Amino acid sequence: MSLLHDDPDAEAVRQRYLKIDAATVADVLDTLGYLHQGLAPQFLPYPADTGRLAGWAYTICGEMRPYAGTGDPDKMKAVDGVKRGCVTVWSGAGDGVCFFGELIALGMKTRGCVGALIDGGIRDIEWIAKQKFPVYARYRTPIQSIGRWKVTGWQVPAYLPGATKQHVIVNPGDFVLADVDGVIVIPADTVEKVLNEAERLTATEVKIRAELDAGATLEQVLAKYGHV
């Protein structure tokens, strides 16, 4: 059974994920047969010390498309639908432009959004950092999207560059986890199962570190716990 962002226990689940490494989650997904859930290494935290990103995917898709006017009303409609505990996932392969800056980030935060994952650019990084709003993006740029990049849909499947295949499909309600190792996407119907197993592995790793610090050899701990 999938657990969506508006379920009563969703925030508790999100907080538990914030204590788990993306690498551990990736290992669990491998054992479950989900071999291609990692995003491309070009996705980086902005600023570098932004910390972990964890939340339920709220997708916003667009494309490079010249248009007239002083803004994109569809972008505002998409942002207005953001729910508490969500990570906005921006897809559309921007070419040198930012998808949002400080003001949209602040607007999303007031709606309960917990961060953003962007297949494109970010600007106003210093000011977004002051909001404690974690963002992982493909690049930074001072160039705005108005007149250049337009939202075409939201809460639809998003296609982001993958680490081990061309694209990872992010569906609304999937779970996004990112840290200094990179970004991993957990399918909605596996969120609880992956979390429970990742917590078990994390507890085992804590024991292994303690035994290594106490003088055990790597061979001894691997014999005891197996490869983790």
C-alpha atoms as a PDB file:
ATOM      1  CA  MET A   1       0.000   0.000   0.000  1.00  0.00           C
ATOM      2  CA  SER A   2       1.354   3.424  -0.901  1.00  0.00           C
ATOM      3  CA  LEU A   3       1.629   6.206   1.634  1.00  0.00           C
ATOM      4  CA  LEU A   4       0.910   9.630   0.165  1.00  0.00           C
ATOM      5  CA  HIS A   5       1.935  13.033   1.442  1.00  0.00           C
ATOM      6  CA  ASP A   6      -1.531  13.844   2.818  1.00  0.00           C
ATOM      7  CA  ASP A   7      -1.789  10.698   4.973  1.00  0.00           C
ATOM      8  CA  PRO A   8      -1.673  11.298   8.749  1.00  0.00           C
ATOM      9  CA  ASP A   9       1.643   9.487   9.193  1.00  0.00           C
ATOM     10  CA  ALA A  10       3.372  11.104   6.224  1.00  0.00           C
ATOM     11  CA  GLU A  11       5.401  13.652   8.189  1.00  0.00           C
ATOM     12  CA  ALA A  12       6.625  10.983  10.598  1.00  0.00           C
ATOM     13  CA  VAL A  13       7.781   8.914   7.629  1.00  0.00           C
ATOM     14  CA  ARG A  14       9.515  11.943   6.116  1.00  0.00           C
ATOM     15  CA  GLN A  15      11.354  12.650   9.346  1.00  0.00           C
ATOM     16  CA  ARG A  16      12.548   9.039   9.506  1.00  0.00           C
ATOM     17  CA  TYR A  17      13.882   9.278   5.949  1.00  0.00           C
ATOM     18  CA  LEU A  18      15.854  12.376   6.933  1.00  0.00           C
ATOM     19  CA  LYS A  19      17.919  10.133   9.204  1.00  0.00           C
ATOM     20  CA  ILE A  20      18.767   7.627   6.435  1.00  0.00           C
ATOM     21  CA  ASP A  21      21.566   7.923   3.857  1.00  0.00           C
ATOM     22  CA  ALA A  22      20.610   8.006   0.185  1.00  0.00           C
ATOM     23  CA  ALA A  23      23.274   5.345  -0.424  1.00  0.00           C
ATOM     24  CA  THR A  24      21.580   2.973   2.007  1.00  0.00           C
ATOM     25  CA  VAL A  25      18.231   3.516   0.320  1.00  0.00           C
ATOM     26  CA  ALA A  26      19.829   2.876  -3.069  1.00  0.00           C
ATOM     27  CA  ASP A  27      21.175  -0.456  -1.790  1.00  0.00           C
ATOM     28  CA  VAL A  28      17.726  -1.459  -0.546  1.00  0.00           C
ATOM     29  CA  LEU A  29      16.123  -0.563  -3.867  1.00  0.00           C
ATOM     30  CA  ASP A  30      18.701  -2.739  -5.632  1.00  0.00           C
ATOM     31  CA  THR A  31      17.700  -5.738  -3.526  1.00  0.00           C
ATOM     32  CA  LEU A  32      14.052  -5.121  -4.432  1.00  0.00           C
ATOM     33  CA  GLY A  33      14.830  -5.036  -8.148  1.00  0.00           C
ATOM     34  CA  TYR A  34      14.662  -1.258  -8.609  1.00  0.00           C
ATOM     35  CA  LEU A  35      18.080  -0.833 -10.208  1.00  0.00           C
ATOM     36  CA  HIS A  36      17.747   2.559 -11.874  1.00  0.00           C
ATOM     37  CA  GLN A  37      16.309   4.984  -9.321  1.00  0.00           C
ATOM     38  CA  GLY A  38      19.355   7.221  -8.897  1.00  0.00           C
ATOM     39  CA  LEU A  39      19.554  10.577 -10.646  1.00  0.00           C
ATOM     40  CA  ALA A  40      22.508  11.807 -12.675  1.00  0.00           C
ATOM     41  CA  PRO A  41      25.500  13.144 -10.715  1.00  0.00           C
ATOM     42  CA  GLN A  42      24.952  16.636 -12.151  1.00  0.00           C
ATOM     43  CA  PHE A  43      22.255  17.237  -9.524  1.00  0.00           C
ATOM     44  CA  LEU A  44      23.957  19.111  -6.694  1.00  0.00           C
ATOM     45  CA  PRO A  45      22.857  20.889  -3.497  1.00  0.00           C
ATOM     46  CA  TYR A  46      22.598  24.677  -3.600  1.00  0.00           C
ATOM     47  CA  PRO A  47      24.254  25.949  -1.527  1.00  0.00           C
ATOM     48  CA  ALA A  48      26.643  23.051  -0.933  1.00  0.00           C
ATOM     49  CA  ASP A  49      25.720  22.849   2.761  1.00  0.00           C
ATOM     50  CA  THR A  50      21.962  22.923   2.190  1.00  0.00           C
ATOM     51  CA  GLY A  51      21.573  19.556   3.915  1.00  0.00           C
ATOM     52  CA  ARG A  52      19.247  16.674   3.165  1.00  0.00           C
ATOM     53  CA  LEU A  53      16.161  16.874   1.022  1.00  0.00           C
ATOM     54  CA  ALA A  54      13.269  14.510   1.696  1.00  0.00           C
ATOM     55  CA  GLY A  55       9.640  14.658   0.671  1.00  0.00           C
ATOM     56  CA  TRP A  56       6.806  13.550  -1.549  1.00  0.00           C
ATOM     57  CA  ALA A  57       7.164  14.418  -5.223  1.00  0.00           C
ATOM     58  CA  TYR A  58       4.968  17.184  -6.609  1.00  0.00           C
ATOM     59  CA  THR A  59       5.894  17.360 -10.264  1.00  0.00           C
ATOM     60  CA  ILE A  60       6.017  20.470 -12.447  1.00  0.00           C
ATOM     61  CA  CYS A  61       6.952  20.024 -16.107  1.00  0.00           C
ATOM     62  CA  GLY A  62       7.846  22.550 -18.776  1.00  0.00           C
ATOM     63  CA  GLU A  63       9.863  23.233 -21.886  1.00  0.00           C
ATOM     64  CA  MET A  64      12.005  25.866 -23.555  1.00  0.00           C
ATOM     65  CA  ARG A  65       9.409  27.931 -25.428  1.00  0.00           C
ATOM     66  CA  PRO A  66       9.616  31.645 -26.232  1.00  0.00           C
ATOM     67  CA  TYR A  67       6.463  33.529 -25.233  1.00  0.00           C
ATOM     68  CA  ALA A  68       5.291  37.081 -24.768  1.00  0.00           C
ATOM     69  CA  GLY A  69       4.268  38.682 -21.501  1.00  0.00           C
ATOM     70  CA  THR A  70       5.708  39.391 -18.087  1.00  0.00           C
ATOM     71  CA  GLY A  71       5.149  36.006 -16.503  1.00  0.00           C
ATOM     72  CA  ASP A  72       3.866  32.439 -16.804  1.00  0.00           C
ATOM     73  CA  PRO A  73       0.385  32.061 -15.252  1.00  0.00           C
ATOM     74  CA  ASP A  74       0.615  28.265 -15.463  1.00  0.00           C
ATOM     75  CA  LYS A  75       3.699  28.331 -13.245  1.00  0.00           C
ATOM     76  CA  MET A  76       1.726  30.224 -10.608  1.00  0.00           C
ATOM     77  CA  LYS A  77      -1.177  27.759 -10.870  1.00  0.00           C
ATOM     78  CA  ALA A  78       1.230  24.854 -10.447  1.00  0.00           C
ATOM     79  CA  VAL A  79       2.899  26.405  -7.403  1.00  0.00           C
ATOM     80  CA  ASP A  80      -0.483  27.172  -5.819  1.00  0.00           C
ATOM     81  CA  GLY A  81      -1.249  23.437  -5.733  1.00  0.00           C
ATOM     82  CA  VAL A  82       1.797  22.457  -3.661  1.00  0.00           C
ATOM     83  CA  LYS A  83       0.953  20.483  -0.503  1.00  0.00           C
ATOM     84  CA  ARG A  84       2.628  20.194   2.880  1.00  0.00           C
ATOM     85  CA  GLY A  85       5.555  17.770   2.965  1.00  0.00           C
ATOM     86  CA  CYS A  86       6.091  17.896  -0.797  1.00  0.00           C
ATOM     87  CA  VAL A  87       9.272  18.366  -2.784  1.00  0.00           C
ATOM     88  CA  THR A  88       8.598  20.180  -6.042  1.00  0.00           C
ATOM     89  CA  VAL A  89      10.211  18.235  -8.872  1.00  0.00           C
ATOM     90  CA  TRP A  90      10.858  20.471 -11.876  1.00  0.00           C
ATOM     91  CA  SER A  91      11.364  18.737 -15.218  1.00  0.00           C
ATOM     92  CA  GLY A  92      11.898  20.073 -18.687  1.00  0.00           C
ATOM     93  CA  ALA A  93      15.609  20.252 -19.454  1.00  0.00           C
ATOM     94  CA  GLY A  94      16.071  23.977 -19.112  1.00  0.00           C
ATOM     95  CA  ASP A  95      18.788  25.455 -21.285  1.00  0.00           C
ATOM     96  CA  GLY A  96      20.687  28.012 -19.219  1.00  0.00           C
ATOM     97  CA  VAL A  97      17.699  29.504 -17.378  1.00  0.00           C
ATOM     98  CA  CYS A  98      16.549  29.258 -13.787  1.00  0.00           C
ATOM     99  CA  PHE A  99      13.192  27.655 -13.062  1.00  0.00           C
ATOM    100  CA  PHE A 100      12.626  29.685  -9.911  1.00  0.00           C
ATOM    101  CA  GLY A 101      14.280  32.010  -7.459  1.00  0.00           C
ATOM    102  CA  GLU A 102      13.818  33.286  -3.938  1.00  0.00           C
ATOM    103  CA  LEU A 103      10.242  34.573  -4.137  1.00  0.00           C
ATOM    104  CA  ILE A 104       8.721  31.387  -5.569  1.00  0.00           C
ATOM    105  CA  ALA A 105      10.759  29.325  -3.092  1.00  0.00           C
ATOM    106  CA  LEU A 106       9.385  31.411  -0.230  1.00  0.00           C
ATOM    107  CA  GLY A 107       5.854  31.077  -1.590  1.00  0.00           C
ATOM    108  CA  MET A 108       6.190  27.307  -1.762  1.00  0.00           C
ATOM    109  CA  LYS A 109       7.651  27.156   1.720  1.00  0.00           C
ATOM    110  CA  THR A 110       4.658  28.998   3.179  1.00  0.00           C
ATOM    111  CA  ARG A 111       2.456  26.264   1.681  1.00  0.00           C
ATOM    112  CA  GLY A 112       4.451  23.614   3.511  1.00  0.00           C
ATOM    113  CA  CYS A 113       6.767  22.634   0.654  1.00  0.00           C
ATOM    114  CA  VAL A 114      10.021  21.218   2.048  1.00  0.00           C
ATOM    115  CA  GLY A 115      12.384  21.736  -0.892  1.00  0.00           C
ATOM    116  CA  ALA A 116      12.909  21.455  -4.621  1.00  0.00           C
ATOM    117  CA  LEU A 117      14.584  19.162  -7.143  1.00  0.00           C
ATOM    118  CA  ILE A 118      15.287  20.887 -10.446  1.00  0.00           C
ATOM    119  CA  ASP A 119      16.255  19.503 -13.844  1.00  0.00           C
ATOM    120  CA  GLY A 120      17.425  22.985 -14.694  1.00  0.00           C
ATOM    121  CA  GLY A 121      18.747  26.087 -12.991  1.00  0.00           C
ATOM    122  CA  ILE A 122      18.431  27.985  -9.736  1.00  0.00           C
ATOM    123  CA  ARG A 123      19.280  31.563  -8.809  1.00  0.00           C
ATOM    124  CA  ASP A 124      19.024  33.726  -5.662  1.00  0.00           C
ATOM    125  CA  ILE A 125      20.940  30.955  -3.903  1.00  0.00           C
ATOM    126  CA  GLU A 126      22.132  33.121  -1.036  1.00  0.00           C
ATOM    127  CA  TRP A 127      18.603  34.303  -0.244  1.00  0.00           C
ATOM    128  CA  ILE A 128      17.034  30.853  -0.591  1.00  0.00           C
ATOM    129  CA  ALA A 129      19.663  29.544   1.833  1.00  0.00           C
ATOM    130  CA  LYS A 130      18.478  32.050   4.439  1.00  0.00           C
ATOM    131  CA  GLN A 131      15.028  30.447   4.196  1.00  0.00           C
ATOM    132  CA  LYS A 132      16.474  27.016   5.104  1.00  0.00           C
ATOM    133  CA  PHE A 133      14.866  25.684   1.926  1.00  0.00           C
ATOM    134  CA  PRO A 134      16.948  22.820   0.455  1.00  0.00           C
ATOM    135  CA  VAL A 135      17.333  22.770  -3.310  1.00  0.00           C
ATOM    136  CA  TYR A 136      19.111  20.272  -5.559  1.00  0.00           C
ATOM    137  CA  ALA A 137      19.549  21.423  -9.144  1.00  0.00           C
ATOM    138  CA  ARG A 138      21.531  20.691 -12.306  1.00  0.00           C
ATOM    139  CA  TYR A 139      23.104  24.125 -12.495  1.00  0.00           C
ATOM    140  CA  ARG A 140      23.039  27.699 -11.247  1.00  0.00           C
ATOM    141  CA  THR A 141      22.367  30.732 -13.423  1.00  0.00           C
ATOM    142  CA  PRO A 142      21.313  34.365 -13.041  1.00  0.00           C
ATOM    143  CA  ILE A 143      19.053  34.172 -16.146  1.00  0.00           C
ATOM    144  CA  GLN A 144      15.307  34.173 -15.503  1.00  0.00           C
ATOM    145  CA  SER A 145      12.847  31.843 -17.247  1.00  0.00           C
ATOM    146  CA  ILE A 146      10.254  34.509 -18.147  1.00  0.00           C
ATOM    147  CA  GLY A 147       9.780  34.517 -21.910  1.00  0.00           C
ATOM    148  CA  ARG A 148      12.085  31.517 -22.289  1.00  0.00           C
ATOM    149  CA  TRP A 149      10.782  28.472 -20.357  1.00  0.00           C
ATOM    150  CA  LYS A 150       7.105  27.677 -19.822  1.00  0.00           C
ATOM    151  CA  VAL A 151       5.219  25.264 -17.579  1.00  0.00           C
ATOM    152  CA  THR A 152       3.245  22.716 -19.601  1.00  0.00           C
ATOM    153  CA  GLY A 153       1.751  20.554 -16.850  1.00  0.00           C
ATOM    154  CA  TRP A 154       1.905  19.558 -13.207  1.00  0.00           C
ATOM    155  CA  GLN A 155       1.228  16.442 -11.175  1.00  0.00           C
ATOM    156  CA  VAL A 156       2.101  14.325 -14.214  1.00  0.00           C
ATOM    157  CA  PRO A 157       5.024  11.903 -14.692  1.00  0.00           C
ATOM    158  CA  ALA A 158       8.343  13.743 -14.891  1.00  0.00           C
ATOM    159  CA  TYR A 159      11.440  12.437 -16.676  1.00  0.00           C
ATOM    160  CA  LEU A 160      14.768  13.379 -15.063  1.00  0.00           C
ATOM    161  CA  PRO A 161      18.295  12.400 -16.166  1.00  0.00           C
ATOM    162  CA  GLY A 162      19.353   9.137 -14.524  1.00  0.00           C
ATOM    163  CA  ALA A 163      22.616   7.808 -13.162  1.00  0.00           C
ATOM    164  CA  THR A 164      22.423   4.368 -14.777  1.00  0.00           C
ATOM    165  CA  LYS A 165      19.906   4.951 -17.553  1.00  0.00           C
ATOM    166  CA  GLN A 166      18.790   7.905 -19.638  1.00  0.00           C
ATOM    167  CA  HIS A 167      15.814   8.902 -17.503  1.00  0.00           C
ATOM    168  CA  VAL A 168      14.228   8.181 -14.150  1.00  0.00           C
ATOM    169  CA  ILE A 169      10.451   8.572 -14.133  1.00  0.00           C
ATOM    170  CA  VAL A 170       9.233  10.513 -11.103  1.00  0.00           C
ATOM    171  CA  ASN A 171       5.519  10.101 -10.506  1.00  0.00           C
ATOM    172  CA  PRO A 172       3.442  12.340  -8.236  1.00  0.00           C
ATOM    173  CA  GLY A 173       3.545  10.809  -4.768  1.00  0.00           C
ATOM    174  CA  ASP A 174       6.916   9.106  -5.199  1.00  0.00           C
ATOM    175  CA  PHE A 175       9.431   9.927  -2.469  1.00  0.00           C
ATOM    176  CA  VAL A 176      12.581  11.953  -3.145  1.00  0.00           C
ATOM    177  CA  LEU A 177      15.671  11.659  -0.936  1.00  0.00           C
ATOM    178  CA  ALA A 178      18.876  13.599  -1.536  1.00  0.00           C
ATOM    179  CA  ASP A 179      22.097  14.155   0.392  1.00  0.00           C
ATOM    180  CA  VAL A 180      25.788  14.711  -0.338  1.00  0.00           C
ATOM    181  CA  ASP A 181      25.934  11.373  -2.184  1.00  0.00           C
ATOM    182  CA  GLY A 182      23.203  12.304  -4.665  1.00  0.00           C
ATOM    183  CA  VAL A 183      19.493  11.902  -5.338  1.00  0.00           C
ATOM    184  CA  ILE A 184      17.382   8.749  -5.205  1.00  0.00           C
ATOM    185  CA  VAL A 185      13.689   8.311  -6.072  1.00  0.00           C
ATOM    186  CA  ILE A 186      11.577   5.786  -4.140  1.00  0.00           C
ATOM    187  CA  PRO A 187       8.415   4.576  -5.919  1.00  0.00           C
ATOM    188  CA  ALA A 188       5.288   5.434  -3.944  1.00  0.00           C
ATOM    189  CA  ASP A 189       4.187   1.854  -3.353  1.00  0.00           C
ATOM    190  CA  THR A 190       7.545   0.882  -1.825  1.00  0.00           C
ATOM    191  CA  VAL A 191       8.112   3.857   0.511  1.00  0.00           C
ATOM    192  CA  GLU A 192       7.343   2.071   3.782  1.00  0.00           C
ATOM    193  CA  LYS A 193       9.049  -1.191   2.839  1.00  0.00           C
ATOM    194  CA  VAL A 194      12.215   0.582   1.727  1.00  0.00           C
ATOM    195  CA  LEU A 195      12.274   2.742   4.845  1.00  0.00           C
ATOM    196  CA  ASN A 196      11.961  -0.200   7.233  1.00  0.00           C
ATOM    197  CA  GLU A 197      14.765  -2.114   5.547  1.00  0.00           C
ATOM    198  CA  ALA A 198      16.966   0.974   5.273  1.00  0.00           C
ATOM    199  CA  GLU A 199      16.563   1.611   8.995  1.00  0.00           C
ATOM    200  CA  ARG A 200      17.552  -1.990   9.704  1.00  0.00           C
ATOM    201  CA  LEU A 201      20.670  -1.653   7.568  1.00  0.00           C
ATOM    202  CA  THR A 202      21.540   1.665   9.182  1.00  0.00           C
ATOM    203  CA  ALA A 203      21.379   0.081  12.640  1.00  0.00           C
ATOM    204  CA  THR A 204      23.678  -2.714  11.440  1.00  0.00           C
ATOM    205  CA  GLU A 205      26.154  -0.192  10.041  1.00  0.00           C
ATOM    206  CA  VAL A 206      26.244   1.577  13.422  1.00  0.00           C
ATOM    207  CA  LYS A 207      27.230  -1.716  15.070  1.00  0.00           C
ATOM    208  CA  ILE A 208      29.892  -2.387  12.432  1.00  0.00           C
ATOM    209  CA  ARG A 209      31.477   1.031  12.898  1.00  0.00           C
ATOM    210  CA  ALA A 210      31.561   0.549  16.650  1.00  0.00           C
ATOM    211  CA  GLU A 211      33.233  -2.859  16.344  1.00  0.00           C
ATOM    212  CA  LEU A 212      35.785  -1.556  13.840  1.00  0.00           C
ATOM    213  CA  ASP A 213      36.571   1.339  16.178  1.00  0.00           C
ATOM    214  CA  ALA A 214      37.028  -1.182  18.990  1.00  0.00           C
ATOM    215  CA  GLY A 215      39.667  -3.069  16.996  1.00  0.00           C
ATOM    216  CA  ALA A 216      37.786  -5.696  14.995  1.00  0.00           C
ATOM    217  CA  THR A 217      39.047  -6.396  11.488  1.00  0.00           C
ATOM    218  CA  LEU A 218      36.974  -5.828   8.370  1.00  0.00           C
ATOM    219  CA  GLU A 219      37.110  -9.568   7.706  1.00  0.00           C
ATOM    220  CA  GLN A 220      35.659 -10.270  11.160  1.00  0.00           C
ATOM    221  CA  VAL A 221      32.752  -7.859  10.871  1.00  0.00           C
ATOM    222  CA  LEU A 222      31.897  -8.981   7.342  1.00  0.00           C
ATOM    223  CA  ALA A 223      31.869 -12.579   8.526  1.00  0.00           C
ATOM    224  CA  LYS A 224      29.510 -11.591  11.330  1.00  0.00           C
ATOM    225  CA  TYR A 225      27.170  -9.217   9.516  1.00  0.00           C
ATOM    226  CA  GLY A 226      27.682  -9.944   5.832  1.00  0.00           C
ATOM    227  CA  HIS A 227      28.126  -7.252   3.214  1.00  0.00           C
ATOM    228  CA  VAL A 228      26.070  -4.110   3.853  1.00  0.00           C
END
